[in-house]
């Protein structure tokens, strides 16, 4: 009688500089959007949990804020969240781009990894930007000389190239363990958090310069109507200055309507029901530096 393979499970932190593709990879692995994506650095502010299920395997991925030099109290919280995630895990997936010269941001991360005892897998993302694959060799050589990685896997999250190789490589470092989450669960993030993040993603898409970093979203109300399959959602987009309110609202409210329309589509997809979305814009001066405001908006260590 053939013996059934033991169940393997564990926790893997995804780390890297800002904008290296951590959230894109997580969404690709889960085949579902749970982490917002943007071309703006520091898009991810909280630790995002994504749960991957396979035969006799469960991988709990921890997508972290990108490592960067803090400029505000918010950034300090983000960095502490990222570093804290390296504790009590089974492996680290460290993402870099195919650059043969290791910059100061990645040098900083490599210094932090010197204190990590768990296996570290180097993932070289965005190989679609390097069509001549031999250019990856000096990248691999540079990082191999800087740190003793357990494995090195080149891939492209955007093009879904070698992503399965990344998954299978990480699974080999998981111990035998329990099933931590039900099979139909892909994240433990509350619905309110996901809704707020989807709204913030749309604002990021339409704004430039300092405004994306000055934005936070709070869900004021989220309640299903008794008489029909419809969820009323009321949310506030916070900015740091009154002058930024006009930009978010737009002429005759056009910008806010575009944000609401796009956000509504994604929210309905993730909630599986129709919604009625109401958005406000308010200013809270220098909220990124105010401890009370940060706690109110859900940013805590």
C-alpha atoms as a PDB file:
ATOM      1  CA  UNK A   1       0.000   0.000   0.000  1.00  0.00           C
ATOM      2  CA  UNK A   2       1.452   3.322  -1.092  1.00  0.00           C
ATOM      3  CA  UNK A   3       2.031   5.676   1.834  1.00  0.00           C
ATOM      4  CA  UNK A   4       0.603   9.162   1.441  1.00  0.00           C
ATOM      5  CA  UNK A   5       3.206  11.936   1.426  1.00  0.00           C
ATOM      6  CA  UNK A   6       3.434  13.999   4.602  1.00  0.00           C
ATOM      7  CA  UNK A   7       1.774  17.413   4.593  1.00  0.00           C
ATOM      8  CA  UNK A   8       4.261  20.282   4.267  1.00  0.00           C
ATOM      9  CA  UNK A   9       3.547  23.830   5.348  1.00  0.00           C
ATOM     10  CA  UNK A  10       5.342  26.966   6.400  1.00  0.00           C
ATOM     11  CA  UNK A  11       5.879  30.694   6.169  1.00  0.00           C
ATOM     12  CA  UNK A  12       7.932  32.501   3.528  1.00  0.00           C
ATOM     13  CA  UNK A  13       8.722  36.221   3.565  1.00  0.00           C
ATOM     14  CA  UNK A  14       8.977  38.069   0.254  1.00  0.00           C
ATOM     15  CA  UNK A  15      11.391  40.981   0.611  1.00  0.00           C
ATOM     16  CA  UNK A  16      13.213  43.442  -1.620  1.00  0.00           C
ATOM     17  CA  UNK A  17      13.545  47.094  -2.526  1.00  0.00           C
ATOM     18  CA  UNK A  18      10.445  49.104  -3.341  1.00  0.00           C
ATOM     19  CA  UNK A  19       8.944  48.479  -6.773  1.00  0.00           C
ATOM     20  CA  UNK A  20      10.837  45.254  -7.404  1.00  0.00           C
ATOM     21  CA  UNK A  21       7.621  43.293  -8.079  1.00  0.00           C
ATOM     22  CA  UNK A  22       6.803  41.602  -4.762  1.00  0.00           C
ATOM     23  CA  UNK A  23       3.058  42.213  -4.946  1.00  0.00           C
ATOM     24  CA  UNK A  24       2.928  41.322  -8.645  1.00  0.00           C
ATOM     25  CA  UNK A  25       4.567  37.988  -7.848  1.00  0.00           C
ATOM     26  CA  UNK A  26       2.238  37.258  -4.936  1.00  0.00           C
ATOM     27  CA  UNK A  27      -0.844  37.941  -7.053  1.00  0.00           C
ATOM     28  CA  UNK A  28       0.578  35.761  -9.816  1.00  0.00           C
ATOM     29  CA  UNK A  29       1.258  32.862  -7.443  1.00  0.00           C
ATOM     30  CA  UNK A  30      -2.235  33.037  -5.944  1.00  0.00           C
ATOM     31  CA  UNK A  31      -3.890  33.654  -9.352  1.00  0.00           C
ATOM     32  CA  UNK A  32      -5.931  36.277  -7.557  1.00  0.00           C
ATOM     33  CA  UNK A  33      -5.404  39.928  -6.704  1.00  0.00           C
ATOM     34  CA  UNK A  34      -4.941  40.494  -2.985  1.00  0.00           C
ATOM     35  CA  UNK A  35      -2.063  42.996  -3.066  1.00  0.00           C
ATOM     36  CA  UNK A  36      -2.402  46.313  -4.874  1.00  0.00           C
ATOM     37  CA  UNK A  37       0.073  47.184  -7.597  1.00  0.00           C
ATOM     38  CA  UNK A  38       1.434  50.500  -8.805  1.00  0.00           C
ATOM     39  CA  UNK A  39       4.485  51.938 -10.524  1.00  0.00           C
ATOM     40  CA  UNK A  40       4.934  54.171  -7.458  1.00  0.00           C
ATOM     41  CA  UNK A  41       7.582  53.114  -4.921  1.00  0.00           C
ATOM     42  CA  UNK A  42       6.372  52.214  -1.411  1.00  0.00           C
ATOM     43  CA  UNK A  43       2.950  51.099  -2.655  1.00  0.00           C
ATOM     44  CA  UNK A  44       2.759  48.282  -0.088  1.00  0.00           C
ATOM     45  CA  UNK A  45       2.515  49.731   3.429  1.00  0.00           C
ATOM     46  CA  UNK A  46       1.345  46.737   5.451  1.00  0.00           C
ATOM     47  CA  UNK A  47       2.370  43.111   5.618  1.00  0.00           C
ATOM     48  CA  UNK A  48       0.115  41.190   3.230  1.00  0.00           C
ATOM     49  CA  UNK A  49      -0.596  37.505   3.841  1.00  0.00           C
ATOM     50  CA  UNK A  50      -1.201  35.283   0.822  1.00  0.00           C
ATOM     51  CA  UNK A  51      -1.995  31.563   1.157  1.00  0.00           C
ATOM     52  CA  UNK A  52      -0.968  29.148  -1.582  1.00  0.00           C
ATOM     53  CA  UNK A  53      -2.520  25.685  -1.680  1.00  0.00           C
ATOM     54  CA  UNK A  54      -1.180  22.650  -3.548  1.00  0.00           C
ATOM     55  CA  UNK A  55      -1.258  18.875  -3.136  1.00  0.00           C
ATOM     56  CA  UNK A  56      -0.291  18.126   0.483  1.00  0.00           C
ATOM     57  CA  UNK A  57       1.243  21.610   0.695  1.00  0.00           C
ATOM     58  CA  UNK A  58       0.332  25.014   2.079  1.00  0.00           C
ATOM     59  CA  UNK A  59       2.620  28.028   1.739  1.00  0.00           C
ATOM     60  CA  UNK A  60       1.864  31.184   3.709  1.00  0.00           C
ATOM     61  CA  UNK A  61       3.536  34.070   1.895  1.00  0.00           C
ATOM     62  CA  UNK A  62       4.239  37.328   3.723  1.00  0.00           C
ATOM     63  CA  UNK A  63       4.521  40.230   1.281  1.00  0.00           C
ATOM     64  CA  UNK A  64       6.393  43.053   2.994  1.00  0.00           C
ATOM     65  CA  UNK A  65       6.760  46.802   2.412  1.00  0.00           C
ATOM     66  CA  UNK A  66       9.789  47.556   0.274  1.00  0.00           C
ATOM     67  CA  UNK A  67      13.022  48.244   2.139  1.00  0.00           C
ATOM     68  CA  UNK A  68      13.894  51.945   1.975  1.00  0.00           C
ATOM     69  CA  UNK A  69      15.336  54.774   4.047  1.00  0.00           C
ATOM     70  CA  UNK A  70      12.554  56.159   6.296  1.00  0.00           C
ATOM     71  CA  UNK A  71      11.617  59.834   5.899  1.00  0.00           C
ATOM     72  CA  UNK A  72       8.399  59.889   7.939  1.00  0.00           C
ATOM     73  CA  UNK A  73       6.996  58.041  10.942  1.00  0.00           C
ATOM     74  CA  UNK A  74       4.878  56.024   8.473  1.00  0.00           C
ATOM     75  CA  UNK A  75       8.045  54.875   6.683  1.00  0.00           C
ATOM     76  CA  UNK A  76       9.595  53.887  10.024  1.00  0.00           C
ATOM     77  CA  UNK A  77       6.577  51.677  10.768  1.00  0.00           C
ATOM     78  CA  UNK A  78       6.779  50.164   7.270  1.00  0.00           C
ATOM     79  CA  UNK A  79      10.456  49.329   7.706  1.00  0.00           C
ATOM     80  CA  UNK A  80       9.958  47.803  11.166  1.00  0.00           C
ATOM     81  CA  UNK A  81       7.117  45.703   9.722  1.00  0.00           C
ATOM     82  CA  UNK A  82       9.394  44.460   6.936  1.00  0.00           C
ATOM     83  CA  UNK A  83      12.275  43.578   9.256  1.00  0.00           C
ATOM     84  CA  UNK A  84       9.959  41.961  11.837  1.00  0.00           C
ATOM     85  CA  UNK A  85       8.598  39.655   9.141  1.00  0.00           C
ATOM     86  CA  UNK A  86      12.016  37.959   8.946  1.00  0.00           C
ATOM     87  CA  UNK A  87      11.445  36.433  12.382  1.00  0.00           C
ATOM     88  CA  UNK A  88       9.904  32.985  12.833  1.00  0.00           C
ATOM     89  CA  UNK A  89       9.734  32.019   9.159  1.00  0.00           C
ATOM     90  CA  UNK A  90      10.943  28.992   7.207  1.00  0.00           C
ATOM     91  CA  UNK A  91      12.556  30.742   4.228  1.00  0.00           C
ATOM     92  CA  UNK A  92      13.087  34.153   2.652  1.00  0.00           C
ATOM     93  CA  UNK A  93      12.492  35.022  -0.982  1.00  0.00           C
ATOM     94  CA  UNK A  94      14.639  38.057  -1.730  1.00  0.00           C
ATOM     95  CA  UNK A  95      13.709  39.764  -5.001  1.00  0.00           C
ATOM     96  CA  UNK A  96      16.087  41.842  -7.091  1.00  0.00           C
ATOM     97  CA  UNK A  97      16.112  43.186 -10.626  1.00  0.00           C
ATOM     98  CA  UNK A  98      18.622  42.007 -13.263  1.00  0.00           C
ATOM     99  CA  UNK A  99      21.232  44.664 -12.490  1.00  0.00           C
ATOM    100  CA  UNK A 100      24.858  43.475 -12.310  1.00  0.00           C
ATOM    101  CA  UNK A 101      25.864  46.350 -10.034  1.00  0.00           C
ATOM    102  CA  UNK A 102      24.452  45.976  -6.514  1.00  0.00           C
ATOM    103  CA  UNK A 103      23.148  49.375  -5.412  1.00  0.00           C
ATOM    104  CA  UNK A 104      23.063  50.835  -1.885  1.00  0.00           C
ATOM    105  CA  UNK A 105      19.445  49.737  -1.339  1.00  0.00           C
ATOM    106  CA  UNK A 106      20.265  46.086  -1.960  1.00  0.00           C
ATOM    107  CA  UNK A 107      23.530  46.388   0.014  1.00  0.00           C
ATOM    108  CA  UNK A 108      21.396  47.506   2.958  1.00  0.00           C
ATOM    109  CA  UNK A 109      19.142  44.454   2.594  1.00  0.00           C
ATOM    110  CA  UNK A 110      22.115  42.116   2.265  1.00  0.00           C
ATOM    111  CA  UNK A 111      23.480  43.505   5.538  1.00  0.00           C
ATOM    112  CA  UNK A 112      20.164  42.736   7.250  1.00  0.00           C
ATOM    113  CA  UNK A 113      20.182  39.205   5.828  1.00  0.00           C
ATOM    114  CA  UNK A 114      23.517  38.516   7.531  1.00  0.00           C
ATOM    115  CA  UNK A 115      21.517  38.047  10.748  1.00  0.00           C
ATOM    116  CA  UNK A 116      18.953  35.707   9.157  1.00  0.00           C
ATOM    117  CA  UNK A 117      19.446  32.015   9.914  1.00  0.00           C
ATOM    118  CA  UNK A 118      16.740  30.624   7.619  1.00  0.00           C
ATOM    119  CA  UNK A 119      17.460  29.769   3.952  1.00  0.00           C
ATOM    120  CA  UNK A 120      17.379  32.742   1.584  1.00  0.00           C
ATOM    121  CA  UNK A 121      16.368  32.177  -2.042  1.00  0.00           C
ATOM    122  CA  UNK A 122      17.363  34.913  -4.489  1.00  0.00           C
ATOM    123  CA  UNK A 123      14.692  35.638  -7.080  1.00  0.00           C
ATOM    124  CA  UNK A 124      15.853  37.698 -10.050  1.00  0.00           C
ATOM    125  CA  UNK A 125      12.620  39.245 -11.289  1.00  0.00           C
ATOM    126  CA  UNK A 126      11.854  41.091 -14.542  1.00  0.00           C
ATOM    127  CA  UNK A 127      13.998  38.858 -16.766  1.00  0.00           C
ATOM    128  CA  UNK A 128      11.628  39.858 -19.581  1.00  0.00           C
ATOM    129  CA  UNK A 129      13.607  43.119 -19.578  1.00  0.00           C
ATOM    130  CA  UNK A 130      16.764  41.132 -20.377  1.00  0.00           C
ATOM    131  CA  UNK A 131      15.980  39.231 -23.617  1.00  0.00           C
ATOM    132  CA  UNK A 132      19.628  38.197 -23.952  1.00  0.00           C
ATOM    133  CA  UNK A 133      19.715  35.786 -21.024  1.00  0.00           C
ATOM    134  CA  UNK A 134      23.495  35.676 -20.849  1.00  0.00           C
ATOM    135  CA  UNK A 135      23.358  39.161 -19.271  1.00  0.00           C
ATOM    136  CA  UNK A 136      21.980  37.424 -16.153  1.00  0.00           C
ATOM    137  CA  UNK A 137      25.287  35.649 -15.526  1.00  0.00           C
ATOM    138  CA  UNK A 138      27.134  38.709 -14.132  1.00  0.00           C
ATOM    139  CA  UNK A 139      24.053  39.476 -11.995  1.00  0.00           C
ATOM    140  CA  UNK A 140      24.162  35.973 -10.536  1.00  0.00           C
ATOM    141  CA  UNK A 141      27.938  36.246 -10.015  1.00  0.00           C
ATOM    142  CA  UNK A 142      27.633  39.610  -8.228  1.00  0.00           C
ATOM    143  CA  UNK A 143      24.972  38.440  -5.779  1.00  0.00           C
ATOM    144  CA  UNK A 144      26.627  35.048  -5.226  1.00  0.00           C
ATOM    145  CA  UNK A 145      29.787  36.845  -4.181  1.00  0.00           C
ATOM    146  CA  UNK A 146      27.847  39.070  -1.770  1.00  0.00           C
ATOM    147  CA  UNK A 147      25.800  36.382   0.025  1.00  0.00           C
ATOM    148  CA  UNK A 148      25.509  32.605   0.238  1.00  0.00           C
ATOM    149  CA  UNK A 149      22.048  32.010  -1.180  1.00  0.00           C
ATOM    150  CA  UNK A 150      20.327  28.645  -0.872  1.00  0.00           C
ATOM    151  CA  UNK A 151      19.096  28.916  -4.485  1.00  0.00           C
ATOM    152  CA  UNK A 152      18.952  31.478  -7.283  1.00  0.00           C
ATOM    153  CA  UNK A 153      15.908  31.529  -9.571  1.00  0.00           C
ATOM    154  CA  UNK A 154      15.472  33.994 -12.475  1.00  0.00           C
ATOM    155  CA  UNK A 155      11.830  34.671 -13.412  1.00  0.00           C
ATOM    156  CA  UNK A 156       9.300  37.232 -14.609  1.00  0.00           C
ATOM    157  CA  UNK A 157       6.196  37.785 -12.478  1.00  0.00           C
ATOM    158  CA  UNK A 158       4.654  40.055 -15.112  1.00  0.00           C
ATOM    159  CA  UNK A 159       5.044  37.529 -17.944  1.00  0.00           C
ATOM    160  CA  UNK A 160       4.449  34.465 -15.724  1.00  0.00           C
ATOM    161  CA  UNK A 161       7.826  33.019 -16.735  1.00  0.00           C
ATOM    162  CA  UNK A 162       9.462  30.509 -14.364  1.00  0.00           C
ATOM    163  CA  UNK A 163       7.062  31.488 -11.559  1.00  0.00           C
ATOM    164  CA  UNK A 164       6.248  27.822 -10.977  1.00  0.00           C
ATOM    165  CA  UNK A 165       9.996  27.187 -10.574  1.00  0.00           C
ATOM    166  CA  UNK A 166      10.024  29.802  -7.811  1.00  0.00           C
ATOM    167  CA  UNK A 167       7.131  28.084  -6.037  1.00  0.00           C
ATOM    168  CA  UNK A 168       8.590  24.576  -6.319  1.00  0.00           C
ATOM    169  CA  UNK A 169      11.999  25.771  -5.122  1.00  0.00           C
ATOM    170  CA  UNK A 170      10.499  27.391  -2.026  1.00  0.00           C
ATOM    171  CA  UNK A 171       8.376  24.338  -1.201  1.00  0.00           C
ATOM    172  CA  UNK A 172      11.533  22.234  -0.795  1.00  0.00           C
ATOM    173  CA  UNK A 173      12.429  24.351   2.259  1.00  0.00           C
ATOM    174  CA  UNK A 174       9.113  23.783   4.043  1.00  0.00           C
ATOM    175  CA  UNK A 175       8.984  21.367   6.982  1.00  0.00           C
ATOM    176  CA  UNK A 176       6.253  18.860   7.687  1.00  0.00           C
ATOM    177  CA  UNK A 177       3.462  20.761   9.381  1.00  0.00           C
ATOM    178  CA  UNK A 178      -0.257  21.381   9.793  1.00  0.00           C
ATOM    179  CA  UNK A 179      -2.701  23.030   7.451  1.00  0.00           C
ATOM    180  CA  UNK A 180      -2.869  26.522   8.931  1.00  0.00           C
ATOM    181  CA  UNK A 181      -5.775  27.820   6.819  1.00  0.00           C
ATOM    182  CA  UNK A 182      -8.821  26.309   5.051  1.00  0.00           C
ATOM    183  CA  UNK A 183      -8.273  25.328   1.403  1.00  0.00           C
ATOM    184  CA  UNK A 184     -10.586  28.039   0.077  1.00  0.00           C
ATOM    185  CA  UNK A 185      -8.775  30.861   1.903  1.00  0.00           C
ATOM    186  CA  UNK A 186      -6.203  32.931  -0.031  1.00  0.00           C
ATOM    187  CA  UNK A 187      -5.628  35.730   2.504  1.00  0.00           C
ATOM    188  CA  UNK A 188      -6.398  36.555   6.115  1.00  0.00           C
ATOM    189  CA  UNK A 189      -6.755  40.282   5.402  1.00  0.00           C
ATOM    190  CA  UNK A 190     -10.139  41.726   6.494  1.00  0.00           C
ATOM    191  CA  UNK A 191     -12.484  42.771   3.686  1.00  0.00           C
ATOM    192  CA  UNK A 192     -12.357  46.389   4.875  1.00  0.00           C
ATOM    193  CA  UNK A 193      -8.571  46.392   4.460  1.00  0.00           C
ATOM    194  CA  UNK A 194      -8.777  44.968   0.929  1.00  0.00           C
ATOM    195  CA  UNK A 195     -11.451  47.489  -0.061  1.00  0.00           C
ATOM    196  CA  UNK A 196      -9.424  50.421   1.287  1.00  0.00           C
ATOM    197  CA  UNK A 197      -6.325  49.207  -0.549  1.00  0.00           C
ATOM    198  CA  UNK A 198      -8.183  48.882  -3.870  1.00  0.00           C
ATOM    199  CA  UNK A 199      -9.411  52.464  -3.561  1.00  0.00           C
ATOM    200  CA  UNK A 200      -5.897  53.665  -2.734  1.00  0.00           C
ATOM    201  CA  UNK A 201      -4.533  51.794  -5.747  1.00  0.00           C
ATOM    202  CA  UNK A 202      -6.827  53.732  -8.095  1.00  0.00           C
ATOM    203  CA  UNK A 203      -5.816  57.059  -6.558  1.00  0.00           C
ATOM    204  CA  UNK A 204      -2.155  56.104  -7.028  1.00  0.00           C
ATOM    205  CA  UNK A 205      -2.869  55.364 -10.679  1.00  0.00           C
ATOM    206  CA  UNK A 206      -4.102  58.886 -11.392  1.00  0.00           C
ATOM    207  CA  UNK A 207      -1.698  60.950  -9.271  1.00  0.00           C
ATOM    208  CA  UNK A 208       1.951  61.959  -9.474  1.00  0.00           C
ATOM    209  CA  UNK A 209       4.797  63.561  -7.513  1.00  0.00           C
ATOM    210  CA  UNK A 210       4.213  63.769  -3.744  1.00  0.00           C
ATOM    211  CA  UNK A 211       0.453  63.123  -3.737  1.00  0.00           C
ATOM    212  CA  UNK A 212       0.571  59.285  -3.886  1.00  0.00           C
ATOM    213  CA  UNK A 213       2.613  59.177  -0.687  1.00  0.00           C
ATOM    214  CA  UNK A 214       0.289  61.634   1.082  1.00  0.00           C
ATOM    215  CA  UNK A 215      -2.794  59.472   0.629  1.00  0.00           C
ATOM    216  CA  UNK A 216      -4.517  57.095   3.028  1.00  0.00           C
ATOM    217  CA  UNK A 217      -7.973  55.516   2.820  1.00  0.00           C
ATOM    218  CA  UNK A 218     -10.323  54.727   5.699  1.00  0.00           C
ATOM    219  CA  UNK A 219     -13.536  52.707   5.373  1.00  0.00           C
ATOM    220  CA  UNK A 220     -16.234  54.514   7.348  1.00  0.00           C
ATOM    221  CA  UNK A 221     -19.119  52.132   6.597  1.00  0.00           C
ATOM    222  CA  UNK A 222     -19.533  48.742   4.953  1.00  0.00           C
ATOM    223  CA  UNK A 223     -22.968  47.204   5.329  1.00  0.00           C
ATOM    224  CA  UNK A 224     -25.217  44.990   3.203  1.00  0.00           C
ATOM    225  CA  UNK A 225     -28.734  46.248   2.514  1.00  0.00           C
ATOM    226  CA  UNK A 226     -31.556  44.144   3.894  1.00  0.00           C
ATOM    227  CA  UNK A 227     -33.787  44.305   0.832  1.00  0.00           C
ATOM    228  CA  UNK A 228     -31.318  43.483  -1.955  1.00  0.00           C
ATOM    229  CA  UNK A 229     -27.894  42.010  -2.738  1.00  0.00           C
ATOM    230  CA  UNK A 230     -26.059  45.303  -2.462  1.00  0.00           C
ATOM    231  CA  UNK A 231     -23.347  46.490  -0.082  1.00  0.00           C
ATOM    232  CA  UNK A 232     -23.101  50.166   0.840  1.00  0.00           C
ATOM    233  CA  UNK A 233     -19.503  51.303   1.274  1.00  0.00           C
ATOM    234  CA  UNK A 234     -18.486  54.755   2.455  1.00  0.00           C
ATOM    235  CA  UNK A 235     -14.787  55.638   2.386  1.00  0.00           C
ATOM    236  CA  UNK A 236     -12.664  58.693   3.061  1.00  0.00           C
ATOM    237  CA  UNK A 237      -9.511  59.492   1.112  1.00  0.00           C
ATOM    238  CA  UNK A 238      -7.163  61.439   3.376  1.00  0.00           C
ATOM    239  CA  UNK A 239      -4.502  63.838   2.109  1.00  0.00           C
ATOM    240  CA  UNK A 240      -2.017  66.004   3.998  1.00  0.00           C
ATOM    241  CA  UNK A 241      -2.869  69.435   2.599  1.00  0.00           C
ATOM    242  CA  UNK A 242      -6.017  71.241   1.496  1.00  0.00           C
ATOM    243  CA  UNK A 243      -4.414  71.977  -1.888  1.00  0.00           C
ATOM    244  CA  UNK A 244      -4.245  68.219  -2.541  1.00  0.00           C
ATOM    245  CA  UNK A 245      -7.984  67.807  -2.039  1.00  0.00           C
ATOM    246  CA  UNK A 246      -8.780  69.662  -5.243  1.00  0.00           C
ATOM    247  CA  UNK A 247      -6.437  67.456  -7.248  1.00  0.00           C
ATOM    248  CA  UNK A 248      -8.033  64.255  -5.934  1.00  0.00           C
ATOM    249  CA  UNK A 249     -11.569  65.537  -6.479  1.00  0.00           C
ATOM    250  CA  UNK A 250     -10.803  66.993  -9.916  1.00  0.00           C
ATOM    251  CA  UNK A 251     -12.801  69.467 -11.969  1.00  0.00           C
ATOM    252  CA  UNK A 252     -16.513  69.031 -11.181  1.00  0.00           C
ATOM    253  CA  UNK A 253     -15.578  65.867  -9.269  1.00  0.00           C
ATOM    254  CA  UNK A 254     -14.302  64.102 -12.412  1.00  0.00           C
ATOM    255  CA  UNK A 255     -11.184  62.582 -10.860  1.00  0.00           C
ATOM    256  CA  UNK A 256     -13.018  61.184  -7.835  1.00  0.00           C
ATOM    257  CA  UNK A 257     -15.682  59.690 -10.116  1.00  0.00           C
ATOM    258  CA  UNK A 258     -13.005  57.903 -12.172  1.00  0.00           C
ATOM    259  CA  UNK A 259     -11.379  56.580  -9.003  1.00  0.00           C
ATOM    260  CA  UNK A 260     -14.739  55.389  -7.671  1.00  0.00           C
ATOM    261  CA  UNK A 261     -15.760  53.730 -10.932  1.00  0.00           C
ATOM    262  CA  UNK A 262     -12.549  51.719 -11.294  1.00  0.00           C
ATOM    263  CA  UNK A 263     -12.417  50.832  -7.600  1.00  0.00           C
ATOM    264  CA  UNK A 264     -16.026  49.655  -7.651  1.00  0.00           C
ATOM    265  CA  UNK A 265     -15.268  47.125 -10.400  1.00  0.00           C
ATOM    266  CA  UNK A 266     -12.389  45.557  -8.470  1.00  0.00           C
ATOM    267  CA  UNK A 267     -14.264  45.606  -5.153  1.00  0.00           C
ATOM    268  CA  UNK A 268     -17.303  43.887  -6.666  1.00  0.00           C
ATOM    269  CA  UNK A 269     -15.017  41.234  -8.126  1.00  0.00           C
ATOM    270  CA  UNK A 270     -13.343  40.501  -4.790  1.00  0.00           C
ATOM    271  CA  UNK A 271     -16.545  40.661  -2.687  1.00  0.00           C
ATOM    272  CA  UNK A 272     -18.669  38.801  -5.220  1.00  0.00           C
ATOM    273  CA  UNK A 273     -21.575  41.242  -4.911  1.00  0.00           C
ATOM    274  CA  UNK A 274     -22.723  44.622  -6.202  1.00  0.00           C
ATOM    275  CA  UNK A 275     -21.709  47.669  -4.185  1.00  0.00           C
ATOM    276  CA  UNK A 276     -22.723  51.315  -3.872  1.00  0.00           C
ATOM    277  CA  UNK A 277     -19.539  53.273  -3.237  1.00  0.00           C
ATOM    278  CA  UNK A 278     -19.438  56.768  -1.748  1.00  0.00           C
ATOM    279  CA  UNK A 279     -16.104  58.604  -1.508  1.00  0.00           C
ATOM    280  CA  UNK A 280     -15.104  61.722   0.417  1.00  0.00           C
ATOM    281  CA  UNK A 281     -11.806  63.567   0.478  1.00  0.00           C
ATOM    282  CA  UNK A 282     -10.503  65.158   3.681  1.00  0.00           C
ATOM    283  CA  UNK A 283      -7.188  66.640   4.756  1.00  0.00           C
ATOM    284  CA  UNK A 284      -5.300  65.747   7.945  1.00  0.00           C
ATOM    285  CA  UNK A 285      -2.174  67.854   8.125  1.00  0.00           C
ATOM    286  CA  UNK A 286       1.031  65.795   8.180  1.00  0.00           C
ATOM    287  CA  UNK A 287      -0.809  62.600   9.097  1.00  0.00           C
ATOM    288  CA  UNK A 288       2.296  60.545   8.196  1.00  0.00           C
ATOM    289  CA  UNK A 289       4.085  62.070  11.191  1.00  0.00           C
ATOM    290  CA  UNK A 290       1.182  61.957  13.666  1.00  0.00           C
ATOM    291  CA  UNK A 291       1.039  58.842  15.855  1.00  0.00           C
ATOM    292  CA  UNK A 292      -2.677  59.205  16.574  1.00  0.00           C
ATOM    293  CA  UNK A 293      -3.554  59.618  12.891  1.00  0.00           C
ATOM    294  CA  UNK A 294      -1.391  56.644  11.947  1.00  0.00           C
ATOM    295  CA  UNK A 295      -3.166  54.432  14.471  1.00  0.00           C
ATOM    296  CA  UNK A 296      -6.576  55.666  13.304  1.00  0.00           C
ATOM    297  CA  UNK A 297      -5.644  54.726   9.741  1.00  0.00           C
ATOM    298  CA  UNK A 298      -4.398  51.281  10.751  1.00  0.00           C
ATOM    299  CA  UNK A 299      -0.642  51.866  10.551  1.00  0.00           C
ATOM    300  CA  UNK A 300       0.859  50.400  13.699  1.00  0.00           C
ATOM    301  CA  UNK A 301       4.040  48.490  14.490  1.00  0.00           C
END
